[in-house]
């Protein structure tokens, strides 16, 4: 997998400048420090995990959209 160079991505870097991950249209991409393999967490999985971890925040967001 070599998606990390996608021009439509948004990078998140440490204060030291090291790339931590990229958010792309396909999902969250990060590279393993040990084996250097690039991993992709699809958008739909991120959304599902967010709803499981933060149901209160998700409900507040949903309620504010109704107003």
PDB file of N, CA and C in Angstrom:
ATOM      1  N   UNK A   1       0.840  -1.179   0.000  1.00  0.00           N
ATOM      2  CA  UNK A   1       0.000   0.000   0.000  1.00  0.00           C
ATOM      3  C   UNK A   1       0.886   1.243   0.000  1.00  0.00           C
ATOM      4  N   UNK A   2       0.624   2.176  -0.903  1.00  0.00           N
ATOM      5  CA  UNK A   2       1.380   3.426  -0.913  1.00  0.00           C
ATOM      6  C   UNK A   2       0.437   4.608  -1.104  1.00  0.00           C
ATOM      7  N   UNK A   3      -0.491   4.783  -0.212  1.00  0.00           N
ATOM      8  CA  UNK A   3      -1.470   5.862  -0.323  1.00  0.00           C
ATOM      9  C   UNK A   3      -1.013   7.166   0.322  1.00  0.00           C
ATOM     10  N   UNK A   4       0.037   7.131   1.117  1.00  0.00           N
ATOM     11  CA  UNK A   4       0.427   8.284   1.934  1.00  0.00           C
ATOM     12  C   UNK A   4       0.677   9.557   1.116  1.00  0.00           C
ATOM     13  N   UNK A   5       0.971   9.472  -0.173  1.00  0.00           N
ATOM     14  CA  UNK A   5       1.265  10.660  -0.976  1.00  0.00           C
ATOM     15  C   UNK A   5       0.032  11.294  -1.622  1.00  0.00           C
ATOM     16  N   UNK A   6      -1.152  10.954  -1.185  1.00  0.00           N
ATOM     17  CA  UNK A   6      -2.393  11.485  -1.748  1.00  0.00           C
ATOM     18  C   UNK A   6      -2.457  13.006  -1.571  1.00  0.00           C
ATOM     19  N   UNK A   7      -2.602  13.776  -2.667  1.00  0.00           N
ATOM     20  CA  UNK A   7      -2.640  15.241  -2.555  1.00  0.00           C
ATOM     21  C   UNK A   7      -3.893  15.772  -1.860  1.00  0.00           C
ATOM     22  N   UNK A   8      -4.944  14.951  -1.736  1.00  0.00           N
ATOM     23  CA  UNK A   8      -6.181  15.378  -1.075  1.00  0.00           C
ATOM     24  C   UNK A   8      -6.186  15.078   0.419  1.00  0.00           C
ATOM     25  N   UNK A   9      -5.051  14.750   0.976  1.00  0.00           N
ATOM     26  CA  UNK A   9      -5.007  14.354   2.383  1.00  0.00           C
ATOM     27  C   UNK A   9      -4.696  15.537   3.289  1.00  0.00           C
ATOM     28  N   UNK A  10      -5.028  15.369   4.561  1.00  0.00           N
ATOM     29  CA  UNK A  10      -4.691  16.343   5.596  1.00  0.00           C
ATOM     30  C   UNK A  10      -3.765  15.647   6.573  1.00  0.00           C
ATOM     31  N   UNK A  11      -2.619  16.252   6.826  1.00  0.00           N
ATOM     32  CA  UNK A  11      -1.613  15.631   7.685  1.00  0.00           C
ATOM     33  C   UNK A  11      -1.738  16.097   9.124  1.00  0.00           C
ATOM     34  N   UNK A  12      -1.368  15.226  10.035  1.00  0.00           N
ATOM     35  CA  UNK A  12      -1.225  15.577  11.453  1.00  0.00           C
ATOM     36  C   UNK A  12       0.212  15.264  11.827  1.00  0.00           C
ATOM     37  N   UNK A  13       0.940  16.289  12.261  1.00  0.00           N
ATOM     38  CA  UNK A  13       2.348  16.121  12.598  1.00  0.00           C
ATOM     39  C   UNK A  13       2.604  16.466  14.060  1.00  0.00           C
ATOM     40  N   UNK A  14       3.638  15.849  14.607  1.00  0.00           N
ATOM     41  CA  UNK A  14       4.111  16.141  15.958  1.00  0.00           C
ATOM     42  C   UNK A  14       4.807  17.505  15.933  1.00  0.00           C
ATOM     43  N   UNK A  15       5.045  18.090  17.101  1.00  0.00           N
ATOM     44  CA  UNK A  15       5.789  19.346  17.181  1.00  0.00           C
ATOM     45  C   UNK A  15       7.190  19.215  16.602  1.00  0.00           C
ATOM     46  N   UNK A  16       7.750  17.999  16.624  1.00  0.00           N
ATOM     47  CA  UNK A  16       9.093  17.776  16.077  1.00  0.00           C
ATOM     48  C   UNK A  16       9.075  17.677  14.554  1.00  0.00           C
ATOM     49  N   UNK A  17       7.881  17.630  13.943  1.00  0.00           N
ATOM     50  CA  UNK A  17       7.762  17.558  12.496  1.00  0.00           C
ATOM     51  C   UNK A  17       7.457  16.174  11.953  1.00  0.00           C
ATOM     52  N   UNK A  18       7.498  15.159  12.804  1.00  0.00           N
ATOM     53  CA  UNK A  18       7.245  13.792  12.346  1.00  0.00           C
ATOM     54  C   UNK A  18       5.775  13.624  11.974  1.00  0.00           C
ATOM     55  N   UNK A  19       5.540  12.993  10.821  1.00  0.00           N
ATOM     56  CA  UNK A  19       4.181  12.710  10.378  1.00  0.00           C
ATOM     57  C   UNK A  19       3.574  11.632  11.268  1.00  0.00           C
ATOM     58  N   UNK A  20       2.415  11.921  11.857  1.00  0.00           N
ATOM     59  CA  UNK A  20       1.729  10.954  12.714  1.00  0.00           C
ATOM     60  C   UNK A  20       0.701  10.165  11.919  1.00  0.00           C
ATOM     61  N   UNK A  21      -0.121  10.864  11.146  1.00  0.00           N
ATOM     62  CA  UNK A  21      -1.111  10.199  10.297  1.00  0.00           C
ATOM     63  C   UNK A  21      -1.603  11.180   9.251  1.00  0.00           C
ATOM     64  N   UNK A  22      -2.313  10.647   8.267  1.00  0.00           N
ATOM     65  CA  UNK A  22      -2.960  11.465   7.249  1.00  0.00           C
ATOM     66  C   UNK A  22      -4.424  11.079   7.175  1.00  0.00           C
ATOM     67  N   UNK A  23      -5.265  12.088   7.056  1.00  0.00           N
ATOM     68  CA  UNK A  23      -6.690  11.871   6.829  1.00  0.00           C
ATOM     69  C   UNK A  23      -6.925  12.068   5.343  1.00  0.00           C
ATOM     70  N   UNK A  24      -7.405  11.043   4.667  1.00  0.00           N
ATOM     71  CA  UNK A  24      -7.635  11.089   3.226  1.00  0.00           C
ATOM     72  C   UNK A  24      -9.108  10.817   2.947  1.00  0.00           C
ATOM     73  N   UNK A  25      -9.551  10.995   1.714  1.00  0.00           N
ATOM     74  CA  UNK A  25     -10.942  10.665   1.388  1.00  0.00           C
ATOM     75  C   UNK A  25     -11.280   9.197   1.666  1.00  0.00           C
ATOM     76  N   UNK A  26     -10.278   8.335   1.668  1.00  0.00           N
ATOM     77  CA  UNK A  26     -10.498   6.904   1.920  1.00  0.00           C
ATOM     78  C   UNK A  26     -10.543   6.565   3.403  1.00  0.00           C
ATOM     79  N   UNK A  27      -9.894   7.380   4.251  1.00  0.00           N
ATOM     80  CA  UNK A  27      -9.858   7.100   5.681  1.00  0.00           C
ATOM     81  C   UNK A  27      -8.585   7.616   6.324  1.00  0.00           C
ATOM     82  N   UNK A  28      -8.258   7.070   7.472  1.00  0.00           N
ATOM     83  CA  UNK A  28      -7.084   7.459   8.244  1.00  0.00           C
ATOM     84  C   UNK A  28      -5.923   6.536   7.890  1.00  0.00           C
ATOM     85  N   UNK A  29      -4.803   7.118   7.440  1.00  0.00           N
ATOM     86  CA  UNK A  29      -3.627   6.338   7.082  1.00  0.00           C
ATOM     87  C   UNK A  29      -2.513   6.612   8.078  1.00  0.00           C
ATOM     88  N   UNK A  30      -1.859   5.555   8.510  1.00  0.00           N
ATOM     89  CA  UNK A  30      -0.690   5.705   9.366  1.00  0.00           C
ATOM     90  C   UNK A  30       0.318   4.626   9.024  1.00  0.00           C
ATOM     91  N   UNK A  31       1.574   4.877   9.378  1.00  0.00           N
ATOM     92  CA  UNK A  31       2.666   3.971   9.038  1.00  0.00           C
ATOM     93  C   UNK A  31       3.249   3.382  10.315  1.00  0.00           C
ATOM     94  N   UNK A  32       3.420   2.065  10.334  1.00  0.00           N
ATOM     95  CA  UNK A  32       4.002   1.388  11.484  1.00  0.00           C
ATOM     96  C   UNK A  32       5.472   1.775  11.608  1.00  0.00           C
ATOM     97  N   UNK A  33       5.865   2.193  12.802  1.00  0.00           N
ATOM     98  CA  UNK A  33       7.265   2.571  13.019  1.00  0.00           C
ATOM     99  C   UNK A  33       8.212   1.388  12.923  1.00  0.00           C
ATOM    100  N   UNK A  34       7.735   0.208  13.247  1.00  0.00           N
ATOM    101  CA  UNK A  34       8.605  -0.969  13.256  1.00  0.00           C
ATOM    102  C   UNK A  34       8.791  -1.573  11.861  1.00  0.00           C
ATOM    103  N   UNK A  35       7.687  -1.920  11.193  1.00  0.00           N
ATOM    104  CA  UNK A  35       7.801  -2.626   9.901  1.00  0.00           C
ATOM    105  C   UNK A  35       7.625  -1.710   8.693  1.00  0.00           C
ATOM    106  N   UNK A  36       7.239  -0.456   8.922  1.00  0.00           N
ATOM    107  CA  UNK A  36       7.047   0.556   7.873  1.00  0.00           C
ATOM    108  C   UNK A  36       5.845   0.294   6.967  1.00  0.00           C
ATOM    109  N   UNK A  37       4.983  -0.632   7.339  1.00  0.00           N
ATOM    110  CA  UNK A  37       3.783  -0.906   6.552  1.00  0.00           C
ATOM    111  C   UNK A  37       2.766   0.208   6.772  1.00  0.00           C
ATOM    112  N   UNK A  38       2.095   0.626   5.695  1.00  0.00           N
ATOM    113  CA  UNK A  38       1.064   1.656   5.780  1.00  0.00           C
ATOM    114  C   UNK A  38      -0.286   0.985   6.003  1.00  0.00           C
ATOM    115  N   UNK A  39      -1.028   1.485   6.986  1.00  0.00           N
ATOM    116  CA  UNK A  39      -2.342   0.935   7.325  1.00  0.00           C
ATOM    117  C   UNK A  39      -3.412   1.968   7.005  1.00  0.00           C
ATOM    118  N   UNK A  40      -4.577   1.492   6.604  1.00  0.00           N
ATOM    119  CA  UNK A  40      -5.712   2.353   6.297  1.00  0.00           C
ATOM    120  C   UNK A  40      -6.897   1.936   7.162  1.00  0.00           C
ATOM    121  N   UNK A  41      -7.444   2.891   7.921  1.00  0.00           N
ATOM    122  CA  UNK A  41      -8.671   2.661   8.683  1.00  0.00           C
ATOM    123  C   UNK A  41      -9.771   3.389   7.906  1.00  0.00           C
ATOM    124  N   UNK A  42     -10.698   2.647   7.291  1.00  0.00           N
ATOM    125  CA  UNK A  42     -11.729   3.268   6.452  1.00  0.00           C
ATOM    126  C   UNK A  42     -12.625   4.236   7.228  1.00  0.00           C
ATOM    127  N   UNK A  43     -13.135   5.234   6.523  1.00  0.00           N
ATOM    128  CA  UNK A  43     -14.000   6.260   7.116  1.00  0.00           C
ATOM    129  C   UNK A  43     -15.183   5.642   7.855  1.00  0.00           C
ATOM    130  N   UNK A  44     -15.846   4.670   7.260  1.00  0.00           N
ATOM    131  CA  UNK A  44     -17.032   4.086   7.896  1.00  0.00           C
ATOM    132  C   UNK A  44     -16.684   3.436   9.230  1.00  0.00           C
ATOM    133  N   UNK A  45     -15.488   2.886   9.357  1.00  0.00           N
ATOM    134  CA  UNK A  45     -15.083   2.282  10.627  1.00  0.00           C
ATOM    135  C   UNK A  45     -14.769   3.354  11.664  1.00  0.00           C
ATOM    136  N   UNK A  46     -14.171   4.455  11.230  1.00  0.00           N
ATOM    137  CA  UNK A  46     -13.894   5.562  12.150  1.00  0.00           C
ATOM    138  C   UNK A  46     -15.201   6.129  12.700  1.00  0.00           C
ATOM    139  N   UNK A  47     -16.189   6.306  11.834  1.00  0.00           N
ATOM    140  CA  UNK A  47     -17.479   6.847  12.256  1.00  0.00           C
ATOM    141  C   UNK A  47     -18.149   5.921  13.268  1.00  0.00           C
ATOM    142  N   UNK A  48     -18.128   4.625  13.005  1.00  0.00           N
ATOM    143  CA  UNK A  48     -18.748   3.658  13.919  1.00  0.00           C
ATOM    144  C   UNK A  48     -18.035   3.645  15.266  1.00  0.00           C
ATOM    145  N   UNK A  49     -16.705   3.678  15.253  1.00  0.00           N
ATOM    146  CA  UNK A  49     -15.944   3.677  16.506  1.00  0.00           C
ATOM    147  C   UNK A  49     -16.203   4.955  17.294  1.00  0.00           C
ATOM    148  N   UNK A  50     -16.275   6.098  16.610  1.00  0.00           N
ATOM    149  CA  UNK A  50     -16.545   7.363  17.286  1.00  0.00           C
ATOM    150  C   UNK A  50     -17.899   7.313  17.987  1.00  0.00           C
ATOM    151  N   UNK A  51     -18.900   6.775  17.311  1.00  0.00           N
ATOM    152  CA  UNK A  51     -20.238   6.686  17.910  1.00  0.00           C
ATOM    153  C   UNK A  51     -20.248   5.762  19.126  1.00  0.00           C
ATOM    154  N   UNK A  52     -19.441   4.704  19.109  1.00  0.00           N
ATOM    155  CA  UNK A  52     -19.361   3.786  20.251  1.00  0.00           C
ATOM    156  C   UNK A  52     -18.633   4.415  21.425  1.00  0.00           C
ATOM    157  N   UNK A  53     -17.579   5.165  21.145  1.00  0.00           N
ATOM    158  CA  UNK A  53     -16.743   5.735  22.202  1.00  0.00           C
ATOM    159  C   UNK A  53     -17.359   7.009  22.771  1.00  0.00           C
ATOM    160  N   UNK A  54     -17.963   7.825  21.931  1.00  0.00           N
ATOM    161  CA  UNK A  54     -18.432   9.149  22.349  1.00  0.00           C
ATOM    162  C   UNK A  54     -19.919   9.356  22.062  1.00  0.00           C
ATOM    163  N   UNK A  55     -20.801   8.552  22.612  1.00  0.00           N
ATOM    164  CA  UNK A  55     -22.229   8.716  22.296  1.00  0.00           C
ATOM    165  C   UNK A  55     -22.796  10.053  22.753  1.00  0.00           C
ATOM    166  N   UNK A  56     -22.301  10.616  23.838  1.00  0.00           N
ATOM    167  CA  UNK A  56     -22.817  11.895  24.337  1.00  0.00           C
ATOM    168  C   UNK A  56     -22.443  13.014  23.381  1.00  0.00           C
ATOM    169  N   UNK A  57     -21.196  13.059  22.943  1.00  0.00           N
ATOM    170  CA  UNK A  57     -20.750  14.083  21.996  1.00  0.00           C
ATOM    171  C   UNK A  57     -21.517  13.950  20.694  1.00  0.00           C
ATOM    172  N   UNK A  58     -21.689  12.726  20.214  1.00  0.00           N
ATOM    173  CA  UNK A  58     -22.413  12.491  18.972  1.00  0.00           C
ATOM    174  C   UNK A  58     -23.853  12.977  19.092  1.00  0.00           C
ATOM    175  N   UNK A  59     -24.508  12.737  20.222  1.00  0.00           N
ATOM    176  CA  UNK A  59     -25.893  13.171  20.423  1.00  0.00           C
ATOM    177  C   UNK A  59     -25.977  14.692  20.465  1.00  0.00           C
ATOM    178  N   UNK A  60     -25.021  15.359  21.132  1.00  0.00           N
ATOM    179  CA  UNK A  60     -25.011  16.819  21.185  1.00  0.00           C
ATOM    180  C   UNK A  60     -24.857  17.403  19.790  1.00  0.00           C
ATOM    181  N   UNK A  61     -23.995  16.806  18.984  1.00  0.00           N
ATOM    182  CA  UNK A  61     -23.793  17.257  17.607  1.00  0.00           C
ATOM    183  C   UNK A  61     -25.078  17.098  16.807  1.00  0.00           C
ATOM    184  N   UNK A  62     -25.747  15.978  16.981  1.00  0.00           N
ATOM    185  CA  UNK A  62     -27.001  15.704  16.276  1.00  0.00           C
ATOM    186  C   UNK A  62     -28.080  16.706  16.700  1.00  0.00           C
ATOM    187  N   UNK A  63     -28.160  16.994  18.003  1.00  0.00           N
ATOM    188  CA  UNK A  63     -29.164  17.929  18.515  1.00  0.00           C
ATOM    189  C   UNK A  63     -28.924  19.346  18.003  1.00  0.00           C
ATOM    190  N   UNK A  64     -27.660  19.773  17.905  1.00  0.00           N
ATOM    191  CA  UNK A  64     -27.357  21.130  17.454  1.00  0.00           C
ATOM    192  C   UNK A  64     -27.692  21.314  15.977  1.00  0.00           C
ATOM    193  N   UNK A  65     -27.650  20.238  15.191  1.00  0.00           N
ATOM    194  CA  UNK A  65     -28.003  20.328  13.772  1.00  0.00           C
ATOM    195  C   UNK A  65     -29.500  20.533  13.591  1.00  0.00           C
ATOM    196  N   UNK A  66     -30.304  20.068  14.543  1.00  0.00           N
ATOM    197  CA  UNK A  66     -31.759  20.221  14.462  1.00  0.00           C
ATOM    198  C   UNK A  66     -32.179  21.665  14.706  1.00  0.00           C
ATOM    199  N   UNK A  67     -31.413  22.406  15.492  1.00  0.00           N
ATOM    200  CA  UNK A  67     -31.777  23.782  15.872  1.00  0.00           C
ATOM    201  C   UNK A  67     -31.646  24.755  14.732  1.00  0.00           C
TER     202      UNK A  67
END
